[in-house]
């Protein structure tokens, strides 16, 4: 990891053997990290930072403004305390929504994920972040339906969104609201 500056943006450069493309993250503490594959030239990184400059400044400003608002921090203790409650709630909601879809799945797992609300594995496991229990019901249900629909469409194609739309015709609005909420739950 190297600390660099480009366009007045200080960032940490991280090379990864697993990275397939350039990735840029801005943390709520103002830290900017660029993750790159092992064989990317600095000129490509510089152009990438330059192209994303407005986005980075927007995120930094957003986090600066958010400092004035309360954000929730989570610990392993929170996870252990809420894991079972989340499992019960998620199981009930999956059962309810799966009456519409009738998809088969292997299991529901509650995890302590840092960057995802949920996922669906190739083994047909529905993985949900325990923090969904703190979300408003509509957002929580959207996440559950989203992951359920991945049982049929393991991508974000038009067919996938058609499945989601069957239950949530206003899914685009819900996605926007969820993005606004994410800052409070990470």
N, C-alpha and C. Protein backbone atom coordinates (compact mmCIF):
# COMPACT_ATOMS: atom_id res chain seq x y z
N UNK A 1 0.84 -1.19 0.00
CA UNK A 1 0.00 0.00 0.00
C UNK A 1 0.88 1.24 0.00
N UNK A 2 0.52 2.16 -0.87
CA UNK A 2 1.27 3.41 -0.97
C UNK A 2 0.30 4.57 -0.91
N UNK A 3 0.67 5.60 -0.17
CA UNK A 3 -0.15 6.80 -0.12
C UNK A 3 0.27 7.71 -1.26
N UNK A 4 -0.70 8.13 -2.06
CA UNK A 4 -0.43 8.98 -3.22
C UNK A 4 -1.39 10.15 -3.23
N UNK A 5 -1.08 11.15 -4.06
CA UNK A 5 -1.95 12.31 -4.24
C UNK A 5 -2.10 12.57 -5.73
N UNK A 6 -3.36 12.74 -6.16
CA UNK A 6 -3.65 13.09 -7.56
C UNK A 6 -4.88 13.99 -7.54
N UNK A 7 -4.83 15.12 -8.24
CA UNK A 7 -5.94 16.07 -8.29
C UNK A 7 -6.38 16.49 -6.88
N UNK A 8 -5.41 16.69 -5.99
CA UNK A 8 -5.66 17.07 -4.60
C UNK A 8 -6.45 16.01 -3.83
N UNK A 9 -6.42 14.78 -4.30
CA UNK A 9 -7.07 13.67 -3.60
C UNK A 9 -5.98 12.74 -3.07
N UNK A 10 -5.91 12.61 -1.76
CA UNK A 10 -4.97 11.66 -1.16
C UNK A 10 -5.63 10.30 -1.17
N UNK A 11 -4.90 9.31 -1.63
CA UNK A 11 -5.48 7.98 -1.69
C UNK A 11 -4.43 6.92 -1.41
N UNK A 12 -4.91 5.78 -0.99
CA UNK A 12 -4.05 4.63 -0.76
C UNK A 12 -4.19 3.71 -1.96
N UNK A 13 -3.06 3.31 -2.51
CA UNK A 13 -3.06 2.41 -3.66
C UNK A 13 -2.80 0.99 -3.15
N UNK A 14 -3.70 0.09 -3.49
CA UNK A 14 -3.60 -1.29 -3.02
C UNK A 14 -3.60 -2.21 -4.24
N UNK A 15 -2.55 -2.99 -4.39
CA UNK A 15 -2.48 -3.96 -5.48
C UNK A 15 -3.01 -5.30 -4.98
N UNK A 16 -3.83 -5.94 -5.82
CA UNK A 16 -4.45 -7.20 -5.41
C UNK A 16 -4.32 -8.24 -6.52
N UNK A 17 -3.95 -9.43 -6.14
CA UNK A 17 -3.88 -10.54 -7.09
C UNK A 17 -5.27 -10.95 -7.56
N UNK A 18 -6.28 -10.71 -6.71
CA UNK A 18 -7.66 -11.10 -7.03
C UNK A 18 -8.41 -10.06 -7.85
N UNK A 19 -7.91 -8.83 -7.86
CA UNK A 19 -8.62 -7.74 -8.57
C UNK A 19 -8.60 -7.98 -10.07
N UNK A 20 -9.75 -7.77 -10.70
CA UNK A 20 -9.85 -7.90 -12.15
C UNK A 20 -9.95 -6.54 -12.83
N UNK A 21 -10.31 -5.53 -12.05
CA UNK A 21 -10.48 -4.17 -12.59
C UNK A 21 -10.14 -3.17 -11.50
N UNK A 22 -10.08 -1.91 -11.85
CA UNK A 22 -9.81 -0.87 -10.88
C UNK A 22 -11.05 -0.64 -10.02
N UNK A 23 -10.83 -0.42 -8.73
CA UNK A 23 -11.94 -0.19 -7.80
C UNK A 23 -11.59 0.99 -6.91
N UNK A 24 -12.56 1.84 -6.70
CA UNK A 24 -12.37 3.04 -5.90
C UNK A 24 -13.37 3.04 -4.76
N UNK A 25 -12.90 3.22 -3.53
CA UNK A 25 -13.80 3.29 -2.38
C UNK A 25 -13.48 4.54 -1.57
N UNK A 26 -14.54 5.12 -1.02
CA UNK A 26 -14.40 6.26 -0.12
C UNK A 26 -15.10 5.87 1.17
N UNK A 27 -14.35 5.85 2.26
CA UNK A 27 -14.91 5.49 3.57
C UNK A 27 -15.49 6.72 4.24
N UNK A 28 -16.34 6.46 5.23
CA UNK A 28 -16.97 7.58 5.92
C UNK A 28 -15.96 8.39 6.73
N UNK A 29 -14.77 7.85 6.97
CA UNK A 29 -13.74 8.62 7.66
C UNK A 29 -12.90 9.46 6.69
N UNK A 30 -13.28 9.43 5.40
CA UNK A 30 -12.60 10.23 4.39
C UNK A 30 -11.44 9.53 3.71
N UNK A 31 -11.21 8.30 4.05
CA UNK A 31 -10.12 7.55 3.43
C UNK A 31 -10.53 7.10 2.03
N UNK A 32 -9.65 7.33 1.07
CA UNK A 32 -9.88 6.93 -0.32
C UNK A 32 -8.90 5.81 -0.64
N UNK A 33 -9.42 4.70 -1.18
CA UNK A 33 -8.58 3.56 -1.53
C UNK A 33 -8.85 3.18 -2.98
N UNK A 34 -7.75 3.02 -3.73
CA UNK A 34 -7.84 2.53 -5.10
C UNK A 34 -7.22 1.14 -5.11
N UNK A 35 -8.02 0.13 -5.46
CA UNK A 35 -7.54 -1.24 -5.56
C UNK A 35 -7.38 -1.57 -7.03
N UNK A 36 -6.22 -2.12 -7.36
CA UNK A 36 -5.92 -2.39 -8.77
C UNK A 36 -5.36 -3.81 -8.93
N UNK A 37 -5.50 -4.37 -10.15
CA UNK A 37 -4.82 -5.63 -10.44
C UNK A 37 -3.30 -5.42 -10.37
N UNK A 38 -2.56 -6.46 -10.28
CA UNK A 38 -1.11 -6.38 -10.09
C UNK A 38 -0.39 -5.67 -11.23
N UNK A 39 -0.90 -5.75 -12.46
CA UNK A 39 -0.17 -5.21 -13.60
C UNK A 39 -0.91 -4.03 -14.25
N UNK A 40 -1.10 -2.98 -13.50
CA UNK A 40 -1.72 -1.77 -14.04
C UNK A 40 -0.72 -0.64 -13.89
N UNK A 41 -0.53 0.12 -14.97
CA UNK A 41 0.42 1.22 -14.94
C UNK A 41 -0.14 2.42 -14.19
N UNK A 42 0.76 3.20 -13.62
CA UNK A 42 0.37 4.36 -12.84
C UNK A 42 -0.42 5.37 -13.69
N UNK A 43 -0.11 5.48 -14.97
CA UNK A 43 -0.83 6.42 -15.83
C UNK A 43 -2.32 6.04 -15.93
N UNK A 44 -2.63 4.75 -15.91
CA UNK A 44 -4.02 4.29 -15.94
C UNK A 44 -4.71 4.66 -14.63
N UNK A 45 -4.00 4.49 -13.52
CA UNK A 45 -4.54 4.85 -12.21
C UNK A 45 -4.80 6.36 -12.15
N UNK A 46 -3.84 7.15 -12.63
CA UNK A 46 -3.99 8.61 -12.63
C UNK A 46 -5.22 9.05 -13.42
N UNK A 47 -5.41 8.45 -14.60
CA UNK A 47 -6.58 8.79 -15.41
C UNK A 47 -7.87 8.37 -14.70
N UNK A 48 -7.85 7.21 -14.08
CA UNK A 48 -9.01 6.71 -13.34
C UNK A 48 -9.39 7.69 -12.22
N UNK A 49 -8.41 8.12 -11.45
CA UNK A 49 -8.66 9.09 -10.36
C UNK A 49 -9.18 10.40 -10.94
N UNK A 50 -8.57 10.83 -12.01
CA UNK A 50 -8.99 12.08 -12.64
C UNK A 50 -10.43 12.01 -13.13
N UNK A 51 -10.79 10.89 -13.76
CA UNK A 51 -12.15 10.70 -14.26
C UNK A 51 -13.18 10.64 -13.13
N UNK A 52 -12.77 10.13 -11.99
CA UNK A 52 -13.69 9.94 -10.85
C UNK A 52 -13.60 11.08 -9.83
N UNK A 53 -12.85 12.12 -10.16
CA UNK A 53 -12.60 13.22 -9.22
C UNK A 53 -13.89 13.81 -8.65
N UNK A 54 -14.86 14.14 -9.48
CA UNK A 54 -16.12 14.73 -9.01
C UNK A 54 -16.87 13.79 -8.09
N UNK A 55 -16.88 12.51 -8.43
CA UNK A 55 -17.56 11.52 -7.61
C UNK A 55 -16.91 11.44 -6.23
N UNK A 56 -15.57 11.41 -6.20
CA UNK A 56 -14.84 11.33 -4.93
C UNK A 56 -15.14 12.55 -4.07
N UNK A 57 -15.06 13.75 -4.67
CA UNK A 57 -15.33 14.97 -3.89
C UNK A 57 -16.77 14.98 -3.39
N UNK A 58 -17.69 14.48 -4.20
CA UNK A 58 -19.09 14.40 -3.76
C UNK A 58 -19.25 13.49 -2.55
N UNK A 59 -18.58 12.33 -2.60
CA UNK A 59 -18.64 11.39 -1.46
C UNK A 59 -18.00 11.99 -0.21
N UNK A 60 -16.85 12.63 -0.40
CA UNK A 60 -16.18 13.25 0.75
C UNK A 60 -17.06 14.32 1.38
N UNK A 61 -17.72 15.12 0.53
CA UNK A 61 -18.63 16.16 1.04
C UNK A 61 -19.83 15.54 1.75
N UNK A 62 -20.37 14.48 1.17
CA UNK A 62 -21.50 13.78 1.78
C UNK A 62 -21.13 13.28 3.17
N UNK A 63 -19.96 12.65 3.29
CA UNK A 63 -19.55 12.13 4.60
C UNK A 63 -19.27 13.26 5.59
N UNK A 64 -18.75 14.35 5.08
CA UNK A 64 -18.50 15.49 5.95
C UNK A 64 -19.83 16.02 6.51
N UNK A 65 -20.84 16.10 5.65
CA UNK A 65 -22.16 16.55 6.10
C UNK A 65 -22.81 15.53 7.03
N UNK A 66 -22.52 14.26 6.82
CA UNK A 66 -23.12 13.21 7.62
C UNK A 66 -22.57 13.19 9.04
N UNK A 67 -21.37 13.74 9.23
CA UNK A 67 -20.78 13.77 10.58
C UNK A 67 -21.72 14.44 11.57
N UNK A 68 -22.54 15.34 11.06
CA UNK A 68 -23.47 16.06 11.93
C UNK A 68 -24.67 15.21 12.30
N UNK A 69 -24.91 14.14 11.54
CA UNK A 69 -26.04 13.26 11.81
C UNK A 69 -25.54 12.00 12.51
N UNK A 70 -26.42 11.37 13.23
CA UNK A 70 -26.04 10.15 13.96
C UNK A 70 -25.90 8.97 13.00
N UNK A 71 -24.81 8.28 13.11
CA UNK A 71 -24.65 7.03 12.39
C UNK A 71 -24.48 5.92 13.42
N UNK A 72 -24.88 4.75 13.07
CA UNK A 72 -24.85 3.63 14.00
C UNK A 72 -23.60 2.82 13.76
N UNK A 73 -22.90 2.50 14.81
CA UNK A 73 -21.76 1.60 14.68
C UNK A 73 -22.17 0.24 15.22
N UNK A 74 -21.65 -0.79 14.61
CA UNK A 74 -22.04 -2.15 14.95
C UNK A 74 -20.82 -2.93 15.41
N UNK A 75 -21.08 -3.88 16.29
CA UNK A 75 -20.00 -4.70 16.82
C UNK A 75 -20.38 -6.19 16.68
N UNK A 76 -19.44 -7.03 17.00
CA UNK A 76 -19.70 -8.47 16.99
C UNK A 76 -20.81 -8.79 17.99
N UNK A 77 -20.84 -8.07 19.09
CA UNK A 77 -21.87 -8.27 20.11
C UNK A 77 -23.26 -7.98 19.52
N UNK A 78 -23.38 -6.90 18.71
CA UNK A 78 -24.65 -6.59 18.04
C UNK A 78 -25.07 -7.74 17.12
N UNK A 79 -24.10 -8.26 16.40
CA UNK A 79 -24.37 -9.38 15.49
C UNK A 79 -24.91 -10.58 16.26
N UNK A 80 -24.22 -10.96 17.31
CA UNK A 80 -24.63 -12.13 18.09
C UNK A 80 -25.99 -11.92 18.74
N UNK A 81 -26.24 -10.70 19.15
CA UNK A 81 -27.51 -10.37 19.82
C UNK A 81 -28.69 -10.41 18.84
N UNK A 82 -28.47 -10.04 17.59
CA UNK A 82 -29.56 -9.89 16.62
C UNK A 82 -29.65 -10.98 15.56
N UNK A 83 -28.67 -11.85 15.51
CA UNK A 83 -28.61 -12.88 14.47
C UNK A 83 -29.87 -13.76 14.46
N UNK A 84 -30.27 -14.27 15.62
CA UNK A 84 -31.42 -15.17 15.69
C UNK A 84 -32.73 -14.46 15.35
N UNK A 85 -32.89 -13.23 15.86
CA UNK A 85 -34.10 -12.45 15.54
C UNK A 85 -34.18 -12.19 14.05
N UNK A 86 -33.05 -11.88 13.45
CA UNK A 86 -33.02 -11.62 12.01
C UNK A 86 -33.36 -12.89 11.24
N UNK A 87 -32.85 -14.02 11.69
CA UNK A 87 -33.13 -15.29 11.01
C UNK A 87 -34.64 -15.58 11.03
N UNK A 88 -35.26 -15.41 12.18
CA UNK A 88 -36.70 -15.68 12.30
C UNK A 88 -37.49 -14.76 11.37
N UNK A 89 -37.17 -13.48 11.41
CA UNK A 89 -37.86 -12.50 10.56
C UNK A 89 -37.63 -12.83 9.08
N UNK A 90 -36.37 -13.07 8.71
CA UNK A 90 -36.05 -13.35 7.31
C UNK A 90 -36.75 -14.62 6.82
N UNK A 91 -36.77 -15.64 7.66
CA UNK A 91 -37.43 -16.90 7.28
C UNK A 91 -38.91 -16.68 7.00
N UNK A 92 -39.56 -15.90 7.87
CA UNK A 92 -40.98 -15.60 7.68
C UNK A 92 -41.22 -14.83 6.38
N UNK A 93 -40.37 -13.83 6.13
CA UNK A 93 -40.54 -13.00 4.93
C UNK A 93 -40.21 -13.78 3.66
N UNK A 94 -39.19 -14.62 3.70
CA UNK A 94 -38.87 -15.46 2.53
C UNK A 94 -40.04 -16.38 2.23
N UNK A 95 -40.59 -16.99 3.26
CA UNK A 95 -41.75 -17.88 3.07
C UNK A 95 -42.92 -17.10 2.46
N UNK A 96 -43.17 -15.91 2.98
CA UNK A 96 -44.27 -15.09 2.48
C UNK A 96 -44.07 -14.74 1.00
N UNK A 97 -42.91 -14.22 0.65
CA UNK A 97 -42.68 -13.80 -0.74
C UNK A 97 -42.48 -14.97 -1.68
N UNK A 98 -42.00 -16.07 -1.17
CA UNK A 98 -41.77 -17.21 -2.05
C UNK A 98 -43.08 -17.88 -2.46
N UNK A 99 -44.19 -17.51 -1.82
CA UNK A 99 -45.50 -17.99 -2.29
C UNK A 99 -45.79 -17.44 -3.68
N UNK A 100 -45.25 -16.26 -3.96
CA UNK A 100 -45.39 -15.66 -5.29
C UNK A 100 -44.47 -16.32 -6.30
N UNK A 101 -43.23 -16.59 -5.89
CA UNK A 101 -42.22 -17.06 -6.83
C UNK A 101 -42.08 -18.58 -6.87
N UNK A 102 -42.28 -19.24 -5.74
CA UNK A 102 -42.16 -20.69 -5.66
C UNK A 102 -40.79 -21.20 -6.12
N UNK A 103 -39.72 -20.54 -5.66
CA UNK A 103 -38.36 -20.96 -5.98
C UNK A 103 -37.87 -21.91 -4.89
N UNK A 104 -37.02 -22.84 -5.27
CA UNK A 104 -36.42 -23.71 -4.24
C UNK A 104 -35.06 -23.14 -3.87
N UNK A 105 -34.69 -23.29 -2.60
CA UNK A 105 -33.40 -22.81 -2.12
C UNK A 105 -32.90 -23.78 -1.06
N UNK A 106 -31.62 -23.72 -0.79
CA UNK A 106 -31.01 -24.65 0.17
C UNK A 106 -31.17 -24.17 1.60
N UNK A 107 -30.76 -22.93 1.87
CA UNK A 107 -30.82 -22.44 3.24
C UNK A 107 -30.84 -20.92 3.27
N UNK A 108 -31.18 -20.41 4.43
CA UNK A 108 -31.10 -18.98 4.71
C UNK A 108 -30.00 -18.82 5.75
N UNK A 109 -29.07 -17.96 5.47
CA UNK A 109 -27.97 -17.73 6.40
C UNK A 109 -27.90 -16.25 6.75
N UNK A 110 -27.68 -15.99 8.00
CA UNK A 110 -27.55 -14.61 8.48
C UNK A 110 -26.07 -14.36 8.73
N UNK A 111 -25.57 -13.32 8.10
CA UNK A 111 -24.13 -13.02 8.18
C UNK A 111 -23.89 -11.61 8.67
N UNK A 112 -22.66 -11.36 9.01
CA UNK A 112 -22.22 -10.04 9.44
C UNK A 112 -21.35 -9.46 8.32
N UNK A 113 -22.00 -9.02 7.25
CA UNK A 113 -21.28 -8.53 6.08
C UNK A 113 -21.05 -7.02 6.20
N UNK A 114 -19.93 -6.57 5.71
CA UNK A 114 -19.62 -5.15 5.80
C UNK A 114 -20.14 -4.34 4.62
N UNK A 115 -20.18 -4.95 3.45
CA UNK A 115 -20.51 -4.16 2.25
C UNK A 115 -21.74 -4.65 1.50
N UNK A 116 -22.40 -5.68 1.99
CA UNK A 116 -23.56 -6.21 1.27
C UNK A 116 -24.75 -6.36 2.21
N UNK A 117 -25.92 -6.13 1.64
CA UNK A 117 -27.15 -6.41 2.38
C UNK A 117 -27.51 -7.87 2.26
N UNK A 118 -27.12 -8.47 1.16
CA UNK A 118 -27.44 -9.88 0.96
C UNK A 118 -26.74 -10.41 -0.26
N UNK A 119 -26.85 -11.72 -0.43
CA UNK A 119 -26.31 -12.37 -1.63
C UNK A 119 -27.02 -13.71 -1.79
N UNK A 120 -26.85 -14.28 -2.97
CA UNK A 120 -27.41 -15.59 -3.27
C UNK A 120 -26.27 -16.40 -3.88
N UNK A 121 -25.95 -17.52 -3.26
CA UNK A 121 -24.82 -18.31 -3.74
C UNK A 121 -25.24 -19.26 -4.86
N UNK A 122 -24.26 -19.77 -5.56
CA UNK A 122 -24.52 -20.74 -6.63
C UNK A 122 -25.08 -22.05 -6.06
N UNK A 123 -24.92 -22.24 -4.75
CA UNK A 123 -25.48 -23.43 -4.09
C UNK A 123 -26.91 -23.18 -3.60
N UNK A 124 -27.50 -22.07 -4.06
CA UNK A 124 -28.90 -21.73 -3.74
C UNK A 124 -29.09 -21.33 -2.27
N UNK A 125 -28.04 -20.80 -1.64
CA UNK A 125 -28.16 -20.30 -0.28
C UNK A 125 -28.50 -18.81 -0.32
N UNK A 126 -29.47 -18.40 0.47
CA UNK A 126 -29.80 -16.99 0.60
C UNK A 126 -29.03 -16.45 1.81
N UNK A 127 -28.13 -15.53 1.56
CA UNK A 127 -27.31 -14.95 2.63
C UNK A 127 -27.79 -13.53 2.88
N UNK A 128 -28.12 -13.22 4.12
CA UNK A 128 -28.64 -11.90 4.45
C UNK A 128 -27.83 -11.29 5.58
N UNK A 129 -27.61 -10.00 5.48
CA UNK A 129 -26.90 -9.26 6.51
C UNK A 129 -27.82 -9.08 7.71
N UNK A 130 -27.32 -9.34 8.90
CA UNK A 130 -28.17 -9.20 10.09
C UNK A 130 -28.68 -7.77 10.27
N UNK A 131 -28.02 -6.79 9.69
CA UNK A 131 -28.41 -5.38 9.86
C UNK A 131 -29.72 -5.05 9.16
N UNK A 132 -30.23 -5.98 8.34
CA UNK A 132 -31.53 -5.70 7.69
C UNK A 132 -32.63 -5.53 8.73
N UNK A 133 -32.42 -6.09 9.91
CA UNK A 133 -33.43 -5.99 10.95
C UNK A 133 -33.64 -4.54 11.40
N UNK A 134 -32.65 -3.68 11.18
CA UNK A 134 -32.74 -2.28 11.57
C UNK A 134 -33.33 -1.38 10.48
N UNK A 135 -33.55 -1.94 9.30
CA UNK A 135 -34.08 -1.17 8.18
C UNK A 135 -35.60 -1.06 8.26
N UNK A 136 -36.17 -0.04 7.60
CA UNK A 136 -37.63 0.00 7.46
C UNK A 136 -38.11 -1.27 6.73
N UNK A 137 -39.30 -1.72 7.06
CA UNK A 137 -39.83 -3.00 6.54
C UNK A 137 -39.77 -3.10 5.02
N UNK A 138 -40.13 -2.03 4.31
CA UNK A 138 -40.16 -2.10 2.84
C UNK A 138 -38.76 -2.33 2.27
N UNK A 139 -37.77 -1.68 2.84
CA UNK A 139 -36.40 -1.87 2.35
C UNK A 139 -35.90 -3.28 2.66
N UNK A 140 -36.21 -3.74 3.85
CA UNK A 140 -35.83 -5.10 4.27
C UNK A 140 -36.48 -6.13 3.33
N UNK A 141 -37.76 -5.96 3.06
CA UNK A 141 -38.46 -6.89 2.18
C UNK A 141 -37.93 -6.84 0.76
N UNK A 142 -37.56 -5.65 0.30
CA UNK A 142 -36.98 -5.52 -1.04
C UNK A 142 -35.68 -6.34 -1.13
N UNK A 143 -34.84 -6.26 -0.11
CA UNK A 143 -33.58 -7.01 -0.12
C UNK A 143 -33.87 -8.51 -0.19
N UNK A 144 -34.84 -8.95 0.56
CA UNK A 144 -35.21 -10.38 0.57
C UNK A 144 -35.72 -10.81 -0.80
N UNK A 145 -36.60 -10.01 -1.39
CA UNK A 145 -37.12 -10.34 -2.73
C UNK A 145 -35.99 -10.30 -3.76
N UNK A 146 -35.12 -9.32 -3.66
CA UNK A 146 -33.98 -9.20 -4.57
C UNK A 146 -33.17 -10.50 -4.56
N UNK A 147 -32.85 -10.98 -3.37
CA UNK A 147 -32.05 -12.20 -3.28
C UNK A 147 -32.84 -13.43 -3.72
N UNK A 148 -34.12 -13.47 -3.42
CA UNK A 148 -34.96 -14.57 -3.90
C UNK A 148 -34.94 -14.64 -5.43
N UNK A 149 -35.03 -13.51 -6.07
CA UNK A 149 -35.07 -13.47 -7.55
C UNK A 149 -33.76 -13.95 -8.16
N UNK A 150 -32.67 -13.85 -7.40
CA UNK A 150 -31.40 -14.37 -7.90
C UNK A 150 -31.40 -15.90 -7.97
N UNK A 151 -32.34 -16.53 -7.32
CA UNK A 151 -32.45 -17.98 -7.43
C UNK A 151 -32.81 -18.39 -8.86
N UNK A 152 -33.56 -17.54 -9.55
CA UNK A 152 -33.95 -17.80 -10.94
C UNK A 152 -32.98 -17.14 -11.92
N UNK A 153 -32.64 -15.89 -11.66
CA UNK A 153 -31.74 -15.12 -12.54
C UNK A 153 -30.52 -14.71 -11.73
N UNK A 154 -29.40 -15.36 -11.99
CA UNK A 154 -28.19 -15.12 -11.20
C UNK A 154 -27.39 -13.96 -11.79
N UNK A 155 -28.09 -12.86 -12.05
CA UNK A 155 -27.49 -11.68 -12.67
C UNK A 155 -28.43 -10.50 -12.43
N UNK A 156 -28.15 -9.37 -13.04
CA UNK A 156 -29.05 -8.22 -12.96
C UNK A 156 -29.56 -7.85 -14.36
N UNK A 157 -30.00 -8.86 -15.06
CA UNK A 157 -30.52 -8.67 -16.41
C UNK A 157 -31.94 -8.09 -16.36
N UNK A 158 -32.48 -7.79 -17.53
CA UNK A 158 -33.86 -7.30 -17.62
C UNK A 158 -34.83 -8.34 -17.04
N UNK A 159 -34.55 -9.61 -17.28
CA UNK A 159 -35.41 -10.68 -16.74
C UNK A 159 -35.41 -10.67 -15.22
N UNK A 160 -34.23 -10.42 -14.64
CA UNK A 160 -34.13 -10.34 -13.18
C UNK A 160 -35.01 -9.21 -12.65
N UNK A 161 -34.86 -8.01 -13.23
CA UNK A 161 -35.61 -6.86 -12.73
C UNK A 161 -37.12 -7.03 -12.96
N UNK A 162 -37.49 -7.76 -14.00
CA UNK A 162 -38.91 -8.07 -14.22
C UNK A 162 -39.45 -8.92 -13.08
N UNK A 163 -38.64 -9.86 -12.60
CA UNK A 163 -39.04 -10.68 -11.45
C UNK A 163 -39.21 -9.82 -10.19
N UNK A 164 -38.25 -8.93 -9.95
CA UNK A 164 -38.33 -8.05 -8.78
C UNK A 164 -39.55 -7.15 -8.88
N UNK A 165 -39.79 -6.63 -10.08
CA UNK A 165 -40.89 -5.70 -10.33
C UNK A 165 -42.26 -6.34 -10.07
N UNK A 166 -42.32 -7.64 -10.18
CA UNK A 166 -43.57 -8.37 -9.91
C UNK A 166 -44.07 -8.08 -8.48
N UNK A 167 -43.14 -7.95 -7.55
CA UNK A 167 -43.48 -7.67 -6.16
C UNK A 167 -43.31 -6.19 -5.82
N UNK A 168 -42.28 -5.57 -6.38
CA UNK A 168 -41.99 -4.17 -6.09
C UNK A 168 -41.93 -3.36 -7.38
N UNK A 169 -43.09 -2.91 -7.89
CA UNK A 169 -43.10 -2.12 -9.12
C UNK A 169 -42.27 -0.83 -8.98
N UNK A 170 -42.10 -0.35 -7.75
CA UNK A 170 -41.34 0.87 -7.49
C UNK A 170 -39.91 0.56 -7.04
N UNK A 171 -39.35 -0.55 -7.55
CA UNK A 171 -38.03 -1.00 -7.09
C UNK A 171 -36.94 0.04 -7.30
N UNK A 172 -37.03 0.87 -8.35
CA UNK A 172 -36.00 1.89 -8.58
C UNK A 172 -35.98 2.91 -7.46
N UNK A 173 -37.15 3.31 -7.02
CA UNK A 173 -37.26 4.25 -5.91
C UNK A 173 -36.74 3.61 -4.61
N UNK A 174 -37.06 2.36 -4.41
CA UNK A 174 -36.60 1.64 -3.21
C UNK A 174 -35.08 1.52 -3.22
N UNK A 175 -34.51 1.22 -4.38
CA UNK A 175 -33.04 1.14 -4.50
C UNK A 175 -32.40 2.46 -4.11
N UNK A 176 -32.97 3.57 -4.55
CA UNK A 176 -32.43 4.89 -4.20
C UNK A 176 -32.50 5.13 -2.70
N UNK A 177 -33.63 4.77 -2.11
CA UNK A 177 -33.79 4.94 -0.66
C UNK A 177 -32.79 4.07 0.10
N UNK A 178 -32.58 2.87 -0.37
CA UNK A 178 -31.64 1.96 0.28
C UNK A 178 -30.22 2.54 0.24
N UNK A 179 -29.85 3.12 -0.88
CA UNK A 179 -28.52 3.75 -0.98
C UNK A 179 -28.37 4.89 0.03
N UNK A 180 -29.44 5.64 0.23
CA UNK A 180 -29.40 6.72 1.23
C UNK A 180 -29.23 6.16 2.64
N UNK A 181 -29.84 5.03 2.91
CA UNK A 181 -29.78 4.42 4.24
C UNK A 181 -28.43 3.77 4.53
N UNK A 182 -27.75 3.31 3.49
CA UNK A 182 -26.53 2.53 3.68
C UNK A 182 -25.50 3.25 4.55
N UNK A 183 -25.41 4.53 4.41
CA UNK A 183 -24.42 5.28 5.17
C UNK A 183 -24.62 5.14 6.68
N UNK A 184 -25.84 4.90 7.11
CA UNK A 184 -26.13 4.81 8.54
C UNK A 184 -25.86 3.41 9.11
N UNK A 185 -25.67 2.43 8.23
CA UNK A 185 -25.59 1.05 8.69
C UNK A 185 -24.29 0.34 8.35
N UNK A 186 -23.26 1.06 8.06
CA UNK A 186 -22.00 0.41 7.69
C UNK A 186 -20.95 0.53 8.75
